Protein backbone atom coordinates (compact mmCIF):
# COMPACT_ATOMS: atom_id res chain seq x y z
CA MET A 1 12.48 15.02 0.25
CA ALA A 2 12.52 17.72 -2.69
CA SER A 3 13.21 20.38 0.02
CA LYS A 4 16.21 18.27 1.37
CA LYS A 5 17.67 17.80 -2.19
CA GLN A 6 17.15 21.46 -2.57
CA ALA A 7 18.71 22.49 0.73
CA VAL A 8 21.85 20.20 0.09
CA GLU A 9 22.24 21.59 -3.42
CA LEU A 10 22.20 25.23 -2.04
CA ILE A 11 24.70 24.30 0.85
CA ILE A 12 26.91 22.78 -1.84
CA ASN A 13 26.74 26.03 -3.63
CA LYS A 14 27.55 28.19 -0.65
CA LEU A 15 30.45 25.94 0.17
CA ASN A 16 31.77 26.22 -3.60
CA LYS A 17 31.25 30.10 -3.09
CA LYS A 18 28.72 29.97 -6.13
CA THR A 19 26.05 31.76 -4.08
CA PHE A 20 25.77 34.58 -1.47
CA LEU A 21 22.83 32.99 0.59
CA THR A 22 23.06 32.88 4.17
CA TYR A 23 22.30 29.62 6.04
CA LYS A 24 19.51 31.34 7.68
CA GLU A 25 18.04 32.25 4.39
CA ILE A 26 18.69 28.63 2.93
CA ALA A 27 16.61 27.59 5.82
CA GLU A 28 13.80 29.96 5.11
CA LEU A 29 13.81 28.75 1.30
CA THR A 30 13.69 25.19 2.03
CA GLY A 31 11.20 25.28 5.20
CA TYR A 32 13.98 23.85 7.67
CA HIS A 33 15.36 24.99 10.75
CA PRO A 34 18.65 26.81 10.67
CA LYS A 35 20.19 24.52 13.00
CA TYR A 36 19.26 21.59 10.81
CA ILE A 37 20.85 23.30 7.75
CA LEU A 38 24.08 23.37 9.85
CA LYS A 39 23.67 19.91 10.46
CA LEU A 40 23.27 19.20 6.93
CA LYS A 41 26.29 21.40 6.38
CA LYS A 42 28.62 19.19 8.44
CA GLU A 43 27.30 16.13 7.00
CA VAL A 44 28.08 17.62 3.60
CA ILE A 45 31.46 18.45 4.71
CA GLU A 46 32.04 14.91 6.08
CA GLY A 47 30.67 13.16 3.26
CA THR A 48 28.02 11.38 5.42
CA ILE A 49 24.87 12.90 3.72
CA ARG A 50 21.94 10.58 2.89
CA LEU A 51 18.85 11.76 1.08
CA GLU A 52 16.99 8.39 1.54
CA HIS A 53 15.86 7.26 5.06
CA GLY A 54 17.93 4.74 6.33
CA ASN A 55 15.21 2.13 7.30
CA LYS A 56 13.93 2.10 3.75
CA ASN A 57 13.23 -1.18 2.23
CA ARG A 58 13.78 -3.06 5.45
CA ILE A 59 11.26 -5.59 6.84
CA PRO A 60 9.65 -4.35 10.06
CA SER A 61 11.18 -5.96 13.33
CA ASN A 62 7.68 -6.92 14.53
CA VAL A 63 6.20 -8.35 11.14
CA MET A 64 4.11 -11.48 11.85
CA SER A 65 5.58 -14.89 10.35
CA ASP A 66 4.02 -17.17 8.00
CA GLU A 67 4.07 -19.53 10.63
CA GLU A 68 2.31 -17.60 13.20
CA LYS A 69 -0.18 -16.53 10.92
CA GLU A 70 -0.96 -20.22 10.20
CA LYS A 71 -0.97 -20.85 13.69
CA ILE A 72 -3.60 -18.19 14.52
CA LEU A 73 -5.85 -18.97 11.68
CA SER A 74 -5.93 -22.74 12.68
CA LEU A 75 -6.37 -21.82 16.41
CA TYR A 76 -9.26 -19.48 15.52
CA LYS A 77 -11.04 -22.13 13.18
CA LYS A 78 -10.88 -24.76 16.01
CA SER A 79 -12.42 -22.40 18.57
CA ASN A 80 -15.91 -21.02 18.77
CA VAL A 81 -15.35 -17.89 21.00
CA SER A 82 -15.54 -14.26 19.89
CA ILE A 83 -12.62 -12.45 18.63
CA ARG A 84 -12.11 -10.67 21.83
CA LYS A 85 -11.81 -13.54 24.13
CA PHE A 86 -9.52 -15.30 21.34
CA CYS A 87 -7.39 -12.19 21.38
CA LYS A 88 -6.99 -12.55 25.36
CA PHE A 89 -6.44 -16.27 25.08
CA TYR A 90 -3.73 -15.61 22.44
CA ASN A 91 -2.16 -12.72 24.29
CA LYS A 92 1.02 -12.41 21.85
CA ARG A 93 -0.54 -9.92 19.18
CA SER A 94 -2.94 -6.75 19.51
CA TYR A 95 -6.62 -7.03 18.82
CA SER A 96 -6.18 -5.03 15.53
CA CYS A 97 -3.42 -7.19 14.17
CA ILE A 98 -5.38 -10.29 14.68
CA TYR A 99 -8.77 -8.97 13.50
CA ASN A 100 -7.08 -7.95 10.46
CA LEU A 101 -5.45 -11.31 9.78
CA LEU A 102 -8.65 -12.93 10.28
CA LYS A 103 -10.59 -10.48 8.02
CA SER A 104 -8.10 -10.79 5.06
CA ASN A 105 -8.51 -14.65 5.38
CA GLY A 106 -12.25 -14.36 5.20
CA LEU A 107 -12.84 -15.64 8.64
CA LEU A 108 -14.99 -12.68 9.73
């Protein structure tokens, strides 16, 4: 993140003619590929530059709802099969997802 901010500052300085660095030198200083530096330059010129990832603070699309968690917990409490057989029976979530849910609720 810091190197992207540094790269943007160097590009802005280059566009304002406050530095004589080339875009290749900016790439070497920041550790980015020269093509990415040119992409950042285009974003700076257009005013669409973002230093923060677009999906930050968003809820993942595959997050398990509280209702589904309660359903899995109640079904597992009623059954007397192994967790592997239960996962094959449920078949909507992965083994690790169900295992972590059951372990966090003290059922394993």
